[in-house]
Structure formats: C-alpha cells, structure tokens
Amino acid sequence: MGIWGDPGVTGKSAATDILSRKKSLPVLYGLTHSEKLVDIYRRDEFGESDVAEAINELNAINAQEFTLHSEESYYNTALSALEAANPQGQPSEWLMQLVKSLFARNY
C-alpha cells in the first residue's frame, strides 16, 4: 500500500516509505532481486528522483505482483487456520469479517 497505494486512501505519499528506506515486503524482494535497487538504497543522498528510480526498478522486477501473490497466500493460510479453529458465535463472525475486510481493502 505504501508504494503503489492511492495517497487519498492511504493518507501518505508513495514516496514516504521509500524516502525513509522502510524495508517493506516489496522492497526486501527488490533488494534480493535487483543490484540496481541495492545501489539506489546505498546512496548517501536520497531524494525524489531516487524514489522514482526505486519505484521504476520495483516495477521492472514485478515486486508488486510478488507482493500481491504473497498477500493472497498469507490470507488463504489465515482463513484456513481460522476455519480449522472453528470459533463460534458473534465474535467469530466479527473476526472473519475483519480478516476479509483487510484483504479486500482498496489501494
């Protein structure tokens, strides 16, 4: 969400996470799959043009696709575990709604 999300929805610019060099899942994926991204993150000076370059590199190596696939996998694992636990009553319905709403959120 922090890199490709709509700032109107996320409440922050896509540049925020990259400027702070936050090691989110797509960035970690990128750092292990792109020497160019490693070089960008090593720069002493890091500004808006570097953010754009980093995002372009993440897009080039399909980091967003990897992240979405990982999110879906974790979601399915969580749902399976929740169903196996077989919680009962209204709190279980609320928990299931919460899990589903987190997966369905808009970016």
PDB file of N, CA and C in Angstrom:
ATOM      1  N   MET A   1       0.821  -1.195   0.000  1.00  0.00           N
ATOM      2  CA  MET A   1       0.000   0.000   0.000  1.00  0.00           C
ATOM      3  C   MET A   1       0.862   1.255   0.000  1.00  0.00           C
ATOM      4  N   GLY A   2       1.975   1.214   0.732  1.00  0.00           N
ATOM      5  CA  GLY A   2       2.785   2.406   0.875  1.00  0.00           C
ATOM      6  C   GLY A   2       3.497   2.830  -0.381  1.00  0.00           C
ATOM      7  N   ILE A   3       3.723   1.912  -1.307  1.00  0.00           N
ATOM      8  CA  ILE A   3       4.455   2.258  -2.520  1.00  0.00           C
ATOM      9  C   ILE A   3       3.508   2.540  -3.673  1.00  0.00           C
ATOM     10  N   TRP A   4       2.515   1.680  -3.863  1.00  0.00           N
ATOM     11  CA  TRP A   4       1.627   1.823  -5.006  1.00  0.00           C
ATOM     12  C   TRP A   4       0.241   2.319  -4.637  1.00  0.00           C
ATOM     13  N   GLY A   5       0.004   2.523  -3.361  1.00  0.00           N
ATOM     14  CA  GLY A   5      -1.324   2.921  -2.915  1.00  0.00           C
ATOM     15  C   GLY A   5      -1.694   4.340  -3.291  1.00  0.00           C
ATOM     16  N   ASP A   6      -2.979   4.571  -3.373  1.00  0.00           N
ATOM     17  CA  ASP A   6      -3.514   5.900  -3.647  1.00  0.00           C
ATOM     18  C   ASP A   6      -3.348   6.748  -2.397  1.00  0.00           C
ATOM     19  N   PRO A   7      -2.615   7.861  -2.479  1.00  0.00           N
ATOM     20  CA  PRO A   7      -2.409   8.697  -1.293  1.00  0.00           C
ATOM     21  C   PRO A   7      -3.713   9.165  -0.650  1.00  0.00           C
ATOM     22  N   GLY A   8      -4.768   9.296  -1.450  1.00  0.00           N
ATOM     23  CA  GLY A   8      -6.061   9.679  -0.907  1.00  0.00           C
ATOM     24  C   GLY A   8      -6.650   8.616  -0.005  1.00  0.00           C
ATOM     25  N   VAL A   9      -6.273   7.357  -0.240  1.00  0.00           N
ATOM     26  CA  VAL A   9      -6.762   6.237   0.558  1.00  0.00           C
ATOM     27  C   VAL A   9      -5.792   5.927   1.695  1.00  0.00           C
ATOM     28  N   THR A  10      -4.493   5.897   1.381  1.00  0.00           N
ATOM     29  CA  THR A  10      -3.501   5.505   2.378  1.00  0.00           C
ATOM     30  C   THR A  10      -3.154   6.633   3.343  1.00  0.00           C
ATOM     31  N   GLY A  11      -3.378   7.868   2.913  1.00  0.00           N
ATOM     32  CA  GLY A  11      -3.067   9.011   3.777  1.00  0.00           C
ATOM     33  C   GLY A  11      -1.607   9.435   3.727  1.00  0.00           C
ATOM     34  N   LYS A  12      -0.840   8.842   2.811  1.00  0.00           N
ATOM     35  CA  LYS A  12       0.563   9.238   2.686  1.00  0.00           C
ATOM     36  C   LYS A  12       1.025   9.040   1.255  1.00  0.00           C
ATOM     37  N   SER A  13       2.044   9.768   0.905  1.00  0.00           N
ATOM     38  CA  SER A  13       2.629   9.665  -0.423  1.00  0.00           C
ATOM     39  C   SER A  13       3.359   8.338  -0.576  1.00  0.00           C
ATOM     40  N   ALA A  14       3.395   7.841  -1.798  1.00  0.00           N
ATOM     41  CA  ALA A  14       4.146   6.619  -2.076  1.00  0.00           C
ATOM     42  C   ALA A  14       5.619   6.816  -1.762  1.00  0.00           C
ATOM     43  N   ALA A  15       6.074   8.045  -1.819  1.00  0.00           N
ATOM     44  CA  ALA A  15       7.488   8.345  -1.567  1.00  0.00           C
ATOM     45  C   ALA A  15       7.869   8.167  -0.103  1.00  0.00           C
ATOM     46  N   THR A  16       6.925   8.268   0.798  1.00  0.00           N
ATOM     47  CA  THR A  16       7.221   8.241   2.232  1.00  0.00           C
ATOM     48  C   THR A  16       7.993   6.998   2.648  1.00  0.00           C
ATOM     49  N   ASP A  17       7.493   5.821   2.289  1.00  0.00           N
ATOM     50  CA  ASP A  17       8.158   4.575   2.683  1.00  0.00           C
ATOM     51  C   ASP A  17       9.538   4.448   2.047  1.00  0.00           C
ATOM     52  N   ILE A  18       9.651   4.866   0.811  1.00  0.00           N
ATOM     53  CA  ILE A  18      10.940   4.738   0.132  1.00  0.00           C
ATOM     54  C   ILE A  18      11.920   5.782   0.655  1.00  0.00           C
ATOM     55  N   LEU A  19      11.457   7.004   0.869  1.00  0.00           N
ATOM     56  CA  LEU A  19      12.350   8.038   1.415  1.00  0.00           C
ATOM     57  C   LEU A  19      12.904   7.643   2.774  1.00  0.00           C
ATOM     58  N   SER A  20      12.080   6.966   3.561  1.00  0.00           N
ATOM     59  CA  SER A  20      12.533   6.532   4.886  1.00  0.00           C
ATOM     60  C   SER A  20      13.288   5.203   4.804  1.00  0.00           C
ATOM     61  N   ARG A  21      13.375   4.665   3.589  1.00  0.00           N
ATOM     62  CA  ARG A  21      14.058   3.400   3.324  1.00  0.00           C
ATOM     63  C   ARG A  21      13.474   2.250   4.150  1.00  0.00           C
ATOM     64  N   LYS A  22      12.166   2.309   4.299  1.00  0.00           N
ATOM     65  CA  LYS A  22      11.440   1.261   5.018  1.00  0.00           C
ATOM     66  C   LYS A  22      11.613  -0.059   4.281  1.00  0.00           C
ATOM     67  N   LYS A  23      11.862  -1.100   5.020  1.00  0.00           N
ATOM     68  CA  LYS A  23      12.093  -2.420   4.425  1.00  0.00           C
ATOM     69  C   LYS A  23      10.795  -3.226   4.407  1.00  0.00           C
ATOM     70  N   SER A  24       9.865  -2.770   3.592  1.00  0.00           N
ATOM     71  CA  SER A  24       8.604  -3.483   3.419  1.00  0.00           C
ATOM     72  C   SER A  24       8.837  -4.710   2.524  1.00  0.00           C
ATOM     73  N   LEU A  25       7.847  -5.568   2.415  1.00  0.00           N
ATOM     74  CA  LEU A  25       7.991  -6.793   1.632  1.00  0.00           C
ATOM     75  C   LEU A  25       8.434  -6.524   0.195  1.00  0.00           C
ATOM     76  N   PRO A  26       7.810  -5.587  -0.527  1.00  0.00           N
ATOM     77  CA  PRO A  26       8.272  -5.377  -1.900  1.00  0.00           C
ATOM     78  C   PRO A  26       9.713  -4.870  -1.974  1.00  0.00           C
ATOM     79  N   VAL A  27      10.118  -4.074  -1.013  1.00  0.00           N
ATOM     80  CA  VAL A  27      11.499  -3.571  -1.008  1.00  0.00           C
ATOM     81  C   VAL A  27      12.469  -4.708  -0.696  1.00  0.00           C
ATOM     82  N   LEU A  28      12.142  -5.538   0.272  1.00  0.00           N
ATOM     83  CA  LEU A  28      13.009  -6.683   0.575  1.00  0.00           C
ATOM     84  C   LEU A  28      13.130  -7.603  -0.633  1.00  0.00           C
ATOM     85  N   TYR A  29      12.020  -7.835  -1.302  1.00  0.00           N
ATOM     86  CA  TYR A  29      12.047  -8.623  -2.529  1.00  0.00           C
ATOM     87  C   TYR A  29      12.961  -7.943  -3.552  1.00  0.00           C
ATOM     88  N   GLY A  30      12.778  -6.649  -3.711  1.00  0.00           N
ATOM     89  CA  GLY A  30      13.586  -5.900  -4.670  1.00  0.00           C
ATOM     90  C   GLY A  30      15.065  -5.934  -4.349  1.00  0.00           C
ATOM     91  N   LEU A  31      15.399  -5.804  -3.091  1.00  0.00           N
ATOM     92  CA  LEU A  31      16.807  -5.800  -2.694  1.00  0.00           C
ATOM     93  C   LEU A  31      17.469  -7.153  -2.924  1.00  0.00           C
ATOM     94  N   THR A  32      16.695  -8.219  -2.920  1.00  0.00           N
ATOM     95  CA  THR A  32      17.272  -9.543  -3.184  1.00  0.00           C
ATOM     96  C   THR A  32      17.256  -9.903  -4.665  1.00  0.00           C
ATOM     97  N   HIS A  33      16.551  -9.113  -5.478  1.00  0.00           N
ATOM     98  CA  HIS A  33      16.438  -9.422  -6.901  1.00  0.00           C
ATOM     99  C   HIS A  33      16.998  -8.344  -7.823  1.00  0.00           C
ATOM    100  N   SER A  34      17.500  -7.265  -7.272  1.00  0.00           N
ATOM    101  CA  SER A  34      17.979  -6.182  -8.124  1.00  0.00           C
ATOM    102  C   SER A  34      19.186  -5.482  -7.506  1.00  0.00           C
ATOM    103  N   GLU A  35      20.310  -5.665  -8.125  1.00  0.00           N
ATOM    104  CA  GLU A  35      21.521  -4.971  -7.676  1.00  0.00           C
ATOM    105  C   GLU A  35      21.361  -3.460  -7.864  1.00  0.00           C
ATOM    106  N   LYS A  36      20.604  -3.071  -8.892  1.00  0.00           N
ATOM    107  CA  LYS A  36      20.355  -1.643  -9.122  1.00  0.00           C
ATOM    108  C   LYS A  36      19.614  -1.031  -7.929  1.00  0.00           C
ATOM    109  N   LEU A  37      18.623  -1.739  -7.401  1.00  0.00           N
ATOM    110  CA  LEU A  37      17.891  -1.221  -6.243  1.00  0.00           C
ATOM    111  C   LEU A  37      18.808  -1.145  -5.024  1.00  0.00           C
ATOM    112  N   VAL A  38      19.668  -2.128  -4.863  1.00  0.00           N
ATOM    113  CA  VAL A  38      20.639  -2.092  -3.764  1.00  0.00           C
ATOM    114  C   VAL A  38      21.496  -0.839  -3.884  1.00  0.00           C
ATOM    115  N   ASP A  39      21.964  -0.532  -5.079  1.00  0.00           N
ATOM    116  CA  ASP A  39      22.779   0.669  -5.304  1.00  0.00           C
ATOM    117  C   ASP A  39      22.007   1.939  -4.989  1.00  0.00           C
ATOM    118  N   ILE A  40      20.738   1.977  -5.376  1.00  0.00           N
ATOM    119  CA  ILE A  40      19.903   3.153  -5.081  1.00  0.00           C
ATOM    120  C   ILE A  40      19.775   3.336  -3.568  1.00  0.00           C
ATOM    121  N   TYR A  41      19.512   2.264  -2.848  1.00  0.00           N
ATOM    122  CA  TYR A  41      19.322   2.339  -1.396  1.00  0.00           C
ATOM    123  C   TYR A  41      20.617   2.654  -0.645  1.00  0.00           C
ATOM    124  N   ARG A  42      21.743   2.430  -1.261  1.00  0.00           N
ATOM    125  CA  ARG A  42      23.030   2.721  -0.615  1.00  0.00           C
ATOM    126  C   ARG A  42      23.457   4.186  -0.734  1.00  0.00           C
ATOM    127  N   ARG A  43      22.795   4.942  -1.553  1.00  0.00           N
ATOM    128  CA  ARG A  43      23.185   6.331  -1.781  1.00  0.00           C
ATOM    129  C   ARG A  43      23.080   7.138  -0.495  1.00  0.00           C
ATOM    130  N   ASP A  44      24.080   8.000  -0.288  1.00  0.00           N
ATOM    131  CA  ASP A  44      24.046   8.876   0.885  1.00  0.00           C
ATOM    132  C   ASP A  44      22.929   9.899   0.758  1.00  0.00           C
ATOM    133  N   GLU A  45      22.868  10.534  -0.388  1.00  0.00           N
ATOM    134  CA  GLU A  45      21.802  11.499  -0.665  1.00  0.00           C
ATOM    135  C   GLU A  45      20.658  10.731  -1.325  1.00  0.00           C
ATOM    136  N   PHE A  46      19.454  10.958  -0.832  1.00  0.00           N
ATOM    137  CA  PHE A  46      18.314  10.195  -1.315  1.00  0.00           C
ATOM    138  C   PHE A  46      17.123  11.139  -1.426  1.00  0.00           C
ATOM    139  N   GLY A  47      16.719  11.460  -2.660  1.00  0.00           N
ATOM    140  CA  GLY A  47      15.637  12.420  -2.863  1.00  0.00           C
ATOM    141  C   GLY A  47      14.536  11.875  -3.754  1.00  0.00           C
ATOM    142  N   GLU A  48      13.691  12.791  -4.221  1.00  0.00           N
ATOM    143  CA  GLU A  48      12.515  12.416  -5.020  1.00  0.00           C
ATOM    144  C   GLU A  48      12.891  11.663  -6.298  1.00  0.00           C
ATOM    145  N   SER A  49      13.965  12.064  -6.964  1.00  0.00           N
ATOM    146  CA  SER A  49      14.355  11.360  -8.192  1.00  0.00           C
ATOM    147  C   SER A  49      14.789   9.926  -7.886  1.00  0.00           C
ATOM    148  N   ASP A  50      15.399   9.735  -6.711  1.00  0.00           N
ATOM    149  CA  ASP A  50      15.791   8.386  -6.301  1.00  0.00           C
ATOM    150  C   ASP A  50      14.560   7.538  -6.003  1.00  0.00           C
ATOM    151  N   VAL A  51      13.546   8.167  -5.434  1.00  0.00           N
ATOM    152  CA  VAL A  51      12.289   7.451  -5.149  1.00  0.00           C
ATOM    153  C   VAL A  51      11.677   6.961  -6.455  1.00  0.00           C
ATOM    154  N   ALA A  52      11.615   7.852  -7.441  1.00  0.00           N
ATOM    155  CA  ALA A  52      11.053   7.467  -8.739  1.00  0.00           C
ATOM    156  C   ALA A  52      11.865   6.340  -9.367  1.00  0.00           C
ATOM    157  N   GLU A  53      13.171   6.424  -9.257  1.00  0.00           N
ATOM    158  CA  GLU A  53      14.043   5.387  -9.802  1.00  0.00           C
ATOM    159  C   GLU A  53      13.817   4.053  -9.076  1.00  0.00           C
ATOM    160  N   ALA A  54      13.673   4.110  -7.768  1.00  0.00           N
ATOM    161  CA  ALA A  54      13.429   2.899  -6.980  1.00  0.00           C
ATOM    162  C   ALA A  54      12.093   2.267  -7.360  1.00  0.00           C
ATOM    163  N   ILE A  55      11.064   3.069  -7.496  1.00  0.00           N
ATOM    164  CA  ILE A  55       9.745   2.550  -7.875  1.00  0.00           C
ATOM    165  C   ILE A  55       9.796   1.944  -9.272  1.00  0.00           C
ATOM    166  N   ASN A  56      10.481   2.612 -10.183  1.00  0.00           N
ATOM    167  CA  ASN A  56      10.630   2.058 -11.535  1.00  0.00           C
ATOM    168  C   ASN A  56      11.330   0.706 -11.502  1.00  0.00           C
ATOM    169  N   GLU A  57      12.345   0.586 -10.671  1.00  0.00           N
ATOM    170  CA  GLU A  57      13.066  -0.686 -10.569  1.00  0.00           C
ATOM    171  C   GLU A  57      12.181  -1.760  -9.944  1.00  0.00           C
ATOM    172  N   LEU A  58      11.423  -1.400  -8.909  1.00  0.00           N
ATOM    173  CA  LEU A  58      10.492  -2.357  -8.300  1.00  0.00           C
ATOM    174  C   LEU A  58       9.467  -2.837  -9.328  1.00  0.00           C
ATOM    175  N   ASN A  59       8.995  -1.904 -10.150  1.00  0.00           N
ATOM    176  CA  ASN A  59       8.044  -2.282 -11.200  1.00  0.00           C
ATOM    177  C   ASN A  59       8.700  -3.198 -12.231  1.00  0.00           C
ATOM    178  N   ALA A  60       9.943  -2.929 -12.574  1.00  0.00           N
ATOM    179  CA  ALA A  60      10.654  -3.719 -13.586  1.00  0.00           C
ATOM    180  C   ALA A  60      10.848  -5.173 -13.156  1.00  0.00           C
ATOM    181  N   ILE A  61      10.976  -5.391 -11.862  1.00  0.00           N
ATOM    182  CA  ILE A  61      11.191  -6.766 -11.378  1.00  0.00           C
ATOM    183  C   ILE A  61       9.908  -7.394 -10.827  1.00  0.00           C
ATOM    184  N   ASN A  62       8.783  -6.741 -11.096  1.00  0.00           N
ATOM    185  CA  ASN A  62       7.456  -7.257 -10.702  1.00  0.00           C
ATOM    186  C   ASN A  62       7.293  -7.441  -9.199  1.00  0.00           C
ATOM    187  N   ALA A  63       7.828  -6.508  -8.433  1.00  0.00           N
ATOM    188  CA  ALA A  63       7.716  -6.585  -6.971  1.00  0.00           C
ATOM    189  C   ALA A  63       6.272  -6.460  -6.500  1.00  0.00           C
ATOM    190  N   GLN A  64       5.474  -5.676  -7.211  1.00  0.00           N
ATOM    191  CA  GLN A  64       4.081  -5.542  -6.801  1.00  0.00           C
ATOM    192  C   GLN A  64       3.336  -6.853  -7.005  1.00  0.00           C
ATOM    193  N   GLU A  65       3.577  -7.509  -8.118  1.00  0.00           N
ATOM    194  CA  GLU A  65       2.944  -8.805  -8.381  1.00  0.00           C
ATOM    195  C   GLU A  65       3.357  -9.828  -7.323  1.00  0.00           C
ATOM    196  N   PHE A  66       4.637  -9.865  -6.993  1.00  0.00           N
ATOM    197  CA  PHE A  66       5.121 -10.774  -5.949  1.00  0.00           C
ATOM    198  C   PHE A  66       4.423 -10.486  -4.621  1.00  0.00           C
ATOM    199  N   THR A  67       4.303  -9.205  -4.282  1.00  0.00           N
ATOM    200  CA  THR A  67       3.685  -8.802  -3.019  1.00  0.00           C
ATOM    201  C   THR A  67       2.215  -9.194  -2.975  1.00  0.00           C
ATOM    202  N   LEU A  68       1.496  -8.957  -4.061  1.00  0.00           N
ATOM    203  CA  LEU A  68       0.076  -9.322  -4.100  1.00  0.00           C
ATOM    204  C   LEU A  68      -0.109 -10.837  -4.004  1.00  0.00           C
ATOM    205  N   HIS A  69       0.758 -11.588  -4.671  1.00  0.00           N
ATOM    206  CA  HIS A  69       0.693 -13.053  -4.585  1.00  0.00           C
ATOM    207  C   HIS A  69       0.970 -13.511  -3.143  1.00  0.00           C
ATOM    208  N   SER A  70       1.958 -12.906  -2.502  1.00  0.00           N
ATOM    209  CA  SER A  70       2.278 -13.254  -1.111  1.00  0.00           C
ATOM    210  C   SER A  70       1.120 -12.919  -0.190  1.00  0.00           C
ATOM    211  N   GLU A  71       0.510 -11.756  -0.411  1.00  0.00           N
ATOM    212  CA  GLU A  71      -0.629 -11.344   0.411  1.00  0.00           C
ATOM    213  C   GLU A  71      -1.767 -12.352   0.289  1.00  0.00           C
ATOM    214  N   GLU A  72      -2.046 -12.790  -0.932  1.00  0.00           N
ATOM    215  CA  GLU A  72      -3.119 -13.755  -1.142  1.00  0.00           C
ATOM    216  C   GLU A  72      -2.800 -15.088  -0.463  1.00  0.00           C
ATOM    217  N   SER A  73      -1.554 -15.500  -0.536  1.00  0.00           N
ATOM    218  CA  SER A  73      -1.142 -16.751   0.101  1.00  0.00           C
ATOM    219  C   SER A  73      -1.302 -16.678   1.617  1.00  0.00           C
ATOM    220  N   TYR A  74      -0.851 -15.583   2.216  1.00  0.00           N
ATOM    221  CA  TYR A  74      -0.996 -15.420   3.669  1.00  0.00           C
ATOM    222  C   TYR A  74      -2.463 -15.323   4.069  1.00  0.00           C
ATOM    223  N   TYR A  75      -3.260 -14.657   3.246  1.00  0.00           N
ATOM    224  CA  TYR A  75      -4.692 -14.544   3.508  1.00  0.00           C
ATOM    225  C   TYR A  75      -5.344 -15.924   3.528  1.00  0.00           C
ATOM    226  N   ASN A  76      -5.032 -16.734   2.525  1.00  0.00           N
ATOM    227  CA  ASN A  76      -5.609 -18.079   2.457  1.00  0.00           C
ATOM    228  C   ASN A  76      -5.160 -18.943   3.632  1.00  0.00           C
ATOM    229  N   THR A  77      -3.906 -18.797   4.031  1.00  0.00           N
ATOM    230  CA  THR A  77      -3.411 -19.533   5.192  1.00  0.00           C
ATOM    231  C   THR A  77      -4.145 -19.102   6.460  1.00  0.00           C
ATOM    232  N   ALA A  78      -4.341 -17.797   6.605  1.00  0.00           N
ATOM    233  CA  ALA A  78      -5.049 -17.275   7.781  1.00  0.00           C
ATOM    234  C   ALA A  78      -6.492 -17.768   7.808  1.00  0.00           C
ATOM    235  N   LEU A  79      -7.158 -17.733   6.653  1.00  0.00           N
ATOM    236  CA  LEU A  79      -8.538 -18.215   6.595  1.00  0.00           C
ATOM    237  C   LEU A  79      -8.620 -19.700   6.939  1.00  0.00           C
ATOM    238  N   SER A  80      -7.700 -20.484   6.416  1.00  0.00           N
ATOM    239  CA  SER A  80      -7.690 -21.921   6.713  1.00  0.00           C
ATOM    240  C   SER A  80      -7.486 -22.175   8.203  1.00  0.00           C
ATOM    241  N   ALA A  81      -6.569 -21.442   8.802  1.00  0.00           N
ATOM    242  CA  ALA A  81      -6.310 -21.608  10.240  1.00  0.00           C
ATOM    243  C   ALA A  81      -7.522 -21.186  11.058  1.00  0.00           C
ATOM    244  N   LEU A  82      -8.155 -20.109  10.644  1.00  0.00           N
ATOM    245  CA  LEU A  82      -9.337 -19.629  11.357  1.00  0.00           C
ATOM    246  C   LEU A  82     -10.478 -20.643  11.239  1.00  0.00           C
ATOM    247  N   GLU A  83     -10.673 -21.175  10.051  1.00  0.00           N
ATOM    248  CA  GLU A  83     -11.725 -22.173   9.864  1.00  0.00           C
ATOM    249  C   GLU A  83     -11.422 -23.449  10.647  1.00  0.00           C
ATOM    250  N   ALA A  84     -10.151 -23.854  10.701  1.00  0.00           N
ATOM    251  CA  ALA A  84      -9.763 -25.054  11.457  1.00  0.00           C
ATOM    252  C   ALA A  84      -9.975 -24.855  12.961  1.00  0.00           C
ATOM    253  N   ALA A  85      -9.794 -23.624  13.431  1.00  0.00           N
ATOM    254  CA  ALA A  85     -10.007 -23.331  14.849  1.00  0.00           C
ATOM    255  C   ALA A  85     -11.492 -23.392  15.199  1.00  0.00           C
ATOM    256  N   ASN A  86     -12.331 -23.207  14.187  1.00  0.00           N
ATOM    257  CA  ASN A  86     -13.775 -23.307  14.334  1.00  0.00           C
ATOM    258  C   ASN A  86     -14.332 -22.448  15.475  1.00  0.00           C
ATOM    259  N   PRO A  87     -14.024 -21.155  15.455  1.00  0.00           N
ATOM    260  CA  PRO A  87     -14.583 -20.296  16.505  1.00  0.00           C
ATOM    261  C   PRO A  87     -16.105 -20.200  16.348  1.00  0.00           C
ATOM    262  N   GLN A  88     -16.779 -19.919  17.445  1.00  0.00           N
ATOM    263  CA  GLN A  88     -18.233 -19.904  17.449  1.00  0.00           C
ATOM    264  C   GLN A  88     -18.766 -18.544  17.874  1.00  0.00           C
ATOM    265  N   GLY A  89     -19.997 -18.273  17.491  1.00  0.00           N
ATOM    266  CA  GLY A  89     -20.702 -17.105  17.973  1.00  0.00           C
ATOM    267  C   GLY A  89     -20.381 -15.824  17.216  1.00  0.00           C
ATOM    268  N   GLN A  90     -20.950 -14.741  17.746  1.00  0.00           N
ATOM    269  CA  GLN A  90     -20.812 -13.423  17.127  1.00  0.00           C
ATOM    270  C   GLN A  90     -19.352 -12.962  17.019  1.00  0.00           C
ATOM    271  N   PRO A  91     -18.528 -13.156  18.052  1.00  0.00           N
ATOM    272  CA  PRO A  91     -17.126 -12.723  17.912  1.00  0.00           C
ATOM    273  C   PRO A  91     -16.412 -13.404  16.738  1.00  0.00           C
ATOM    274  N   SER A  92     -16.742 -14.658  16.456  1.00  0.00           N
ATOM    275  CA  SER A  92     -16.101 -15.346  15.333  1.00  0.00           C
ATOM    276  C   SER A  92     -16.534 -14.730  14.006  1.00  0.00           C
ATOM    277  N   GLU A  93     -17.787 -14.310  13.923  1.00  0.00           N
ATOM    278  CA  GLU A  93     -18.271 -13.639  12.708  1.00  0.00           C
ATOM    279  C   GLU A  93     -17.549 -12.314  12.516  1.00  0.00           C
ATOM    280  N   TRP A  94     -17.366 -11.569  13.606  1.00  0.00           N
ATOM    281  CA  TRP A  94     -16.649 -10.293  13.524  1.00  0.00           C
ATOM    282  C   TRP A  94     -15.200 -10.504  13.090  1.00  0.00           C
ATOM    283  N   LEU A  95     -14.576 -11.538  13.645  1.00  0.00           N
ATOM    284  CA  LEU A  95     -13.192 -11.835  13.290  1.00  0.00           C
ATOM    285  C   LEU A  95     -13.089 -12.188  11.810  1.00  0.00           C
ATOM    286  N   MET A  96     -13.996 -12.995  11.311  1.00  0.00           N
ATOM    287  CA  MET A  96     -13.989 -13.364   9.896  1.00  0.00           C
ATOM    288  C   MET A  96     -14.209 -12.132   9.018  1.00  0.00           C
ATOM    289  N   GLN A  97     -15.110 -11.255   9.421  1.00  0.00           N
ATOM    290  CA  GLN A  97     -15.344 -10.021   8.670  1.00  0.00           C
ATOM    291  C   GLN A  97     -14.088  -9.145   8.653  1.00  0.00           C
ATOM    292  N   LEU A  98     -13.403  -9.087   9.776  1.00  0.00           N
ATOM    293  CA  LEU A  98     -12.175  -8.301   9.850  1.00  0.00           C
ATOM    294  C   LEU A  98     -11.120  -8.847   8.891  1.00  0.00           C
ATOM    295  N   VAL A  99     -10.914 -10.151   8.932  1.00  0.00           N
ATOM    296  CA  VAL A  99      -9.913 -10.772   8.052  1.00  0.00           C
ATOM    297  C   VAL A  99     -10.256 -10.505   6.590  1.00  0.00           C
ATOM    298  N   LYS A 100     -11.502 -10.682   6.221  1.00  0.00           N
ATOM    299  CA  LYS A 100     -11.920 -10.461   4.836  1.00  0.00           C
ATOM    300  C   LYS A 100     -11.802  -8.998   4.431  1.00  0.00           C
ATOM    301  N   SER A 101     -12.108  -8.087   5.354  1.00  0.00           N
ATOM    302  CA  SER A 101     -12.016  -6.659   5.016  1.00  0.00           C
ATOM    303  C   SER A 101     -10.577  -6.211   4.829  1.00  0.00           C
ATOM    304  N   LEU A 102      -9.658  -6.806   5.573  1.00  0.00           N
ATOM    305  CA  LEU A 102      -8.241  -6.448   5.399  1.00  0.00           C
ATOM    306  C   LEU A 102      -7.731  -6.859   4.032  1.00  0.00           C
ATOM    307  N   PHE A 103      -8.190  -7.997   3.551  1.00  0.00           N
ATOM    308  CA  PHE A 103      -7.756  -8.465   2.241  1.00  0.00           C
ATOM    309  C   PHE A 103      -8.395  -7.657   1.122  1.00  0.00           C
ATOM    310  N   ALA A 104      -9.611  -7.195   1.322  1.00  0.00           N
ATOM    311  CA  ALA A 104     -10.369  -6.510   0.283  1.00  0.00           C
ATOM    312  C   ALA A 104     -10.167  -4.995   0.272  1.00  0.00           C
ATOM    313  N   ARG A 105      -9.280  -4.482   1.096  1.00  0.00           N
ATOM    314  CA  ARG A 105      -9.116  -3.021   1.184  1.00  0.00           C
ATOM    315  C   ARG A 105      -8.631  -2.450  -0.145  1.00  0.00           C
ATOM    316  N   ASN A 106      -8.985  -1.206  -0.357  1.00  0.00           N
ATOM    317  CA  ASN A 106      -8.601  -0.508  -1.590  1.00  0.00           C
ATOM    318  C   ASN A 106      -7.226   0.104  -1.450  1.00  0.00           C
ATOM    319  N   TYR A 107      -6.497   0.148  -2.548  1.00  0.00           N
ATOM    320  CA  TYR A 107      -5.183   0.774  -2.553  1.00  0.00           C
ATOM    321  C   TYR A 107      -5.281   2.041  -3.331  1.00  0.00           C
TER     322      TYR A 107
END
